[in-house]
C-alpha cells in the first residue's frame, strides 16, 4: 500500500470518527474505528521526516497551515482545542530537536517544553500525539519495538492521564501501517490538508440543519 492510499484510509477513519462525534454520539463503534486515524497521520509525519529534503520547510508548512485554519476550525467545531495540524507540527519539531546538534541539556529542556506546551495549550491529542509521532520515528524499522512502545504509551495515557479506554484500539492501525510499501503514490498533498477543515464544516452544517 503506497502513502497516498494510506492517507486516504486515515481520512476515511477520521471521517467515521467525526460522524460519530458530531452526528451520532451514541454509536461508540464509530469512535472506535476513528482511533485508527491519528496513528496513520502520525506515521506519515515520521515517514515525511525521513523522506523530505527540506525539513524546516516541511515544519513551516504544517505549522502555518495549522495557524491558518485555527480560527475557522474553532468557530466550526465550537471548541478552544487547537487543531491536529498543530499537533503534527509539534511532533515534527520534537523529532527535529532530537536529531539536532544541540547538547543533551538543551535537547532535554527543549523536548520538555514542546511536550508541556502541547498539553497546556489544549492541543488535540497533546503530548500523547507528539510522543506517538516520535515513536514512529525512533522505531521506524523495528515493528516489534514499535508495537510494545505504542502499547505502553496507550496504557500510560489511559490509566494515568485519563484517556478513554477506546484509545487502545488505535493499536490496530499498525495493521495498515505495516502494509506500507515505501512508495509515494499519487501526489496530492494539499488534498489531505483541505479535507480536514472541509469535512468538519460539512458535518457541523449537517448537525445544525438535520
Protein backbone atom coordinates (compact mmCIF):
# COMPACT_ATOMS: atom_id res chain seq x y z
CA UNK A 1 0.00 0.00 0.00
CA UNK A 2 1.50 3.34 -1.01
CA UNK A 3 1.42 6.55 1.02
CA UNK A 4 -1.48 8.04 -0.92
CA UNK A 5 -3.82 5.14 -0.15
CA UNK A 6 -2.62 5.02 3.45
CA UNK A 7 -3.61 8.68 3.85
CA UNK A 8 -6.95 8.04 2.15
CA UNK A 9 -7.63 5.33 4.75
CA UNK A 10 -6.66 7.72 7.55
CA UNK A 11 -9.07 10.33 6.18
CA UNK A 12 -11.83 7.72 5.98
CA UNK A 13 -11.24 6.66 9.59
CA UNK A 14 -11.20 10.31 10.65
CA UNK A 15 -14.47 10.96 8.82
CA UNK A 16 -16.11 7.99 10.55
CA UNK A 17 -14.81 9.22 13.90
CA UNK A 18 -16.19 12.72 13.39
CA UNK A 19 -19.54 11.41 12.17
CA UNK A 20 -19.72 9.61 15.49
CA UNK A 21 -18.60 12.64 17.49
CA UNK A 22 -20.81 15.20 15.75
CA UNK A 23 -23.85 13.41 14.34
CA UNK A 24 -24.16 10.01 16.05
CA UNK A 25 -22.65 10.29 19.55
CA UNK A 26 -24.47 7.19 20.80
CA UNK A 27 -22.64 4.94 18.34
CA UNK A 28 -19.39 4.20 20.16
CA UNK A 29 -18.35 1.84 17.36
CA UNK A 30 -17.77 4.86 15.10
CA UNK A 31 -15.42 6.40 17.66
CA UNK A 32 -13.57 3.08 17.98
CA UNK A 33 -12.97 2.95 14.22
CA UNK A 34 -11.85 6.56 14.42
CA UNK A 35 -8.99 5.62 16.76
CA UNK A 36 -7.17 4.27 13.69
CA UNK A 37 -6.85 7.69 12.04
CA UNK A 38 -4.36 9.66 14.10
CA UNK A 39 -1.63 6.96 14.29
CA UNK A 40 -1.59 6.77 10.49
CA UNK A 41 -1.18 10.54 10.26
CA UNK A 42 1.50 10.34 12.97
CA UNK A 43 3.34 7.70 10.95
CA UNK A 44 3.06 9.97 7.91
CA UNK A 45 4.96 12.69 9.78
CA UNK A 46 7.78 10.32 10.73
CA UNK A 47 7.87 8.99 7.18
CA UNK A 48 7.90 12.54 5.85
CA UNK A 49 10.86 13.39 8.08
CA UNK A 50 12.86 10.52 6.62
CA UNK A 51 11.95 11.38 3.03
CA UNK A 52 11.73 15.19 2.94
CA UNK A 53 14.89 17.05 1.97
CA UNK A 54 13.89 20.40 3.45
CA UNK A 55 12.67 19.52 6.93
CA UNK A 56 12.35 23.13 8.09
CA UNK A 57 10.13 23.92 5.10
CA UNK A 58 8.03 20.85 5.93
CA UNK A 59 7.68 22.07 9.52
CA UNK A 60 6.78 25.59 8.40
CA UNK A 61 4.11 24.25 6.03
CA UNK A 62 2.44 22.15 8.73
CA UNK A 63 2.59 24.84 11.39
CA UNK A 64 1.47 27.71 9.16
CA UNK A 65 -1.49 25.71 7.84
CA UNK A 66 -2.45 24.81 11.40
CA UNK A 67 -2.35 28.50 12.37
CA UNK A 68 -4.27 29.50 9.22
CA UNK A 69 -7.21 27.20 9.90
CA UNK A 70 -7.31 27.58 13.70
CA UNK A 71 -9.85 30.41 13.88
CA UNK A 72 -12.30 28.90 11.36
CA UNK A 73 -11.74 25.50 12.99
CA UNK A 74 -12.60 26.91 16.42
CA UNK A 75 -15.75 28.54 15.05
CA UNK A 76 -16.87 25.49 13.06
CA UNK A 77 -16.14 22.96 15.78
CA UNK A 78 -17.14 25.34 18.60
CA UNK A 79 -14.03 24.43 20.58
CA UNK A 80 -10.99 26.05 22.17
CA UNK A 81 -8.90 22.98 21.32
CA UNK A 82 -6.01 23.51 18.91
CA UNK A 83 -6.32 21.60 15.64
CA UNK A 84 -4.49 18.45 14.65
CA UNK A 85 -2.08 20.17 12.23
CA UNK A 86 -0.51 21.99 15.17
CA UNK A 87 -0.09 18.65 16.95
CA UNK A 88 1.56 17.19 13.86
CA UNK A 89 3.89 20.18 13.59
CA UNK A 90 4.90 19.86 17.26
CA UNK A 91 5.59 16.16 16.71
CA UNK A 92 7.81 17.03 13.78
CA UNK A 93 9.55 19.73 15.85
CA UNK A 94 10.17 17.14 18.58
CA UNK A 95 11.92 14.87 16.05
CA UNK A 96 13.96 17.75 14.62
CA UNK A 97 15.03 18.72 18.16
CA UNK A 98 16.02 15.13 18.98
CA UNK A 99 18.01 14.86 15.76
CA UNK A 100 19.70 18.26 16.13
CA UNK A 101 23.25 19.14 17.21
CA UNK A 102 22.09 20.70 20.48
CA UNK A 103 23.81 19.44 23.63
CA UNK A 104 21.92 16.93 25.73
CA UNK A 105 20.80 19.52 28.30
CA UNK A 106 19.28 21.83 25.69
CA UNK A 107 17.70 18.88 23.91
CA UNK A 108 16.10 17.71 27.12
CA UNK A 109 14.83 21.18 28.02
CA UNK A 110 13.51 21.83 24.52
CA UNK A 111 11.79 18.44 24.37
CA UNK A 112 10.16 19.04 27.74
CA UNK A 113 8.92 22.47 26.61
CA UNK A 114 7.42 21.01 23.42
CA UNK A 115 5.51 18.40 25.43
CA UNK A 116 4.48 20.91 28.09
CA UNK A 117 3.19 23.46 25.58
CA UNK A 118 1.32 20.78 23.64
CA UNK A 119 -0.60 19.94 26.83
CA UNK A 120 -1.23 23.35 28.38
CA UNK A 121 -2.32 24.82 25.03
CA UNK A 122 -5.14 22.25 24.80
CA UNK A 123 -3.73 20.82 21.59
CA UNK A 124 -5.58 17.89 20.04
CA UNK A 125 -4.00 14.69 21.48
CA UNK A 126 -1.45 16.87 23.33
CA UNK A 127 1.79 15.24 24.46
CA UNK A 128 0.38 11.82 23.56
CA UNK A 129 0.26 12.84 19.92
CA UNK A 130 3.76 14.31 19.98
CA UNK A 131 5.23 11.21 21.63
CA UNK A 132 3.44 8.85 19.25
CA UNK A 133 4.93 10.68 16.27
CA UNK A 134 8.34 10.34 17.90
CA UNK A 135 7.84 6.60 18.47
CA UNK A 136 7.07 6.12 14.79
CA UNK A 137 10.32 7.93 14.01
CA UNK A 138 12.58 6.19 16.51
CA UNK A 139 11.22 2.68 15.76
CA UNK A 140 10.59 3.29 12.07
CA UNK A 141 12.13 -0.03 11.03
CA UNK A 142 11.52 -2.10 14.17
CA UNK A 143 7.91 -3.32 14.20
CA UNK A 144 8.13 -5.26 17.46
CA UNK A 145 9.60 -2.36 19.46
CA UNK A 146 7.10 -0.02 17.85
CA UNK A 147 4.19 -2.20 18.95
CA UNK A 148 5.49 -2.55 22.52
CA UNK A 149 6.19 1.17 22.89
CA UNK A 150 2.84 2.11 21.30
CA UNK A 151 1.05 -0.25 23.68
CA UNK A 152 2.96 1.20 26.63
CA UNK A 153 2.10 4.75 25.59
CA UNK A 154 -1.59 3.86 25.42
CA UNK A 155 -1.55 2.16 28.81
CA UNK A 156 0.23 5.16 30.35
CA UNK A 157 -2.27 7.69 29.00
CA UNK A 158 -5.36 5.55 29.62
CA UNK A 159 -4.59 4.63 33.22
CA UNK A 160 -2.55 7.62 34.41
CA UNK A 161 -3.65 10.57 32.28
CA UNK A 162 -7.32 9.78 31.78
CA UNK A 163 -7.63 8.94 28.09
CA UNK A 164 -10.71 6.95 27.10
CA UNK A 165 -10.31 3.16 27.17
CA UNK A 166 -11.19 3.00 23.48
CA UNK A 167 -7.80 4.54 22.68
CA UNK A 168 -6.35 1.04 22.97
CA UNK A 169 -7.99 0.26 19.62
CA UNK A 170 -5.54 2.67 17.99
CA UNK A 171 -3.05 -0.22 18.00
CA UNK A 172 -4.98 -1.82 15.13
CA UNK A 173 -3.72 0.99 12.91
CA UNK A 174 -0.41 -0.89 12.78
CA UNK A 175 -2.08 -3.49 10.55
CA UNK A 176 -2.45 -0.88 7.82
CA UNK A 177 0.82 0.92 8.52
CA UNK A 178 2.72 -2.36 8.17
CA UNK A 179 1.27 -2.72 4.66
CA UNK A 180 3.10 0.43 3.55
CA UNK A 181 5.36 -0.32 0.59
CA UNK A 182 7.55 2.84 0.90
CA UNK A 183 6.14 4.27 -2.33
CA UNK A 184 4.62 7.74 -2.59
CA UNK A 185 1.75 7.03 -4.98
CA UNK A 186 -0.36 9.91 -6.27
CA UNK A 187 0.97 13.32 -5.23
CA UNK A 188 -1.97 15.06 -3.58
CA UNK A 189 -0.50 16.74 -0.50
CA UNK A 190 -2.91 19.66 -0.32
CA UNK A 191 -5.93 17.45 -0.93
CA UNK A 192 -5.43 15.97 2.54
CA UNK A 193 -4.78 19.39 4.04
CA UNK A 194 -8.05 20.75 2.66
CA UNK A 195 -10.07 17.67 3.58
CA UNK A 196 -9.58 18.24 7.30
CA UNK A 197 -11.37 21.59 7.76
CA UNK A 198 -13.80 20.95 4.89
CA UNK A 199 -15.26 17.71 6.22
CA UNK A 200 -15.64 19.24 9.69
CA UNK A 201 -17.54 22.20 8.26
CA UNK A 202 -19.86 19.93 6.28
CA UNK A 203 -20.58 17.67 9.27
CA UNK A 204 -21.32 20.59 11.57
CA UNK A 205 -23.65 22.14 8.99
CA UNK A 206 -25.47 18.81 8.71
CA UNK A 207 -25.68 18.70 12.51
CA UNK A 208 -27.20 22.18 12.62
CA UNK A 209 -29.82 21.61 9.94
CA UNK A 210 -30.69 17.95 10.38
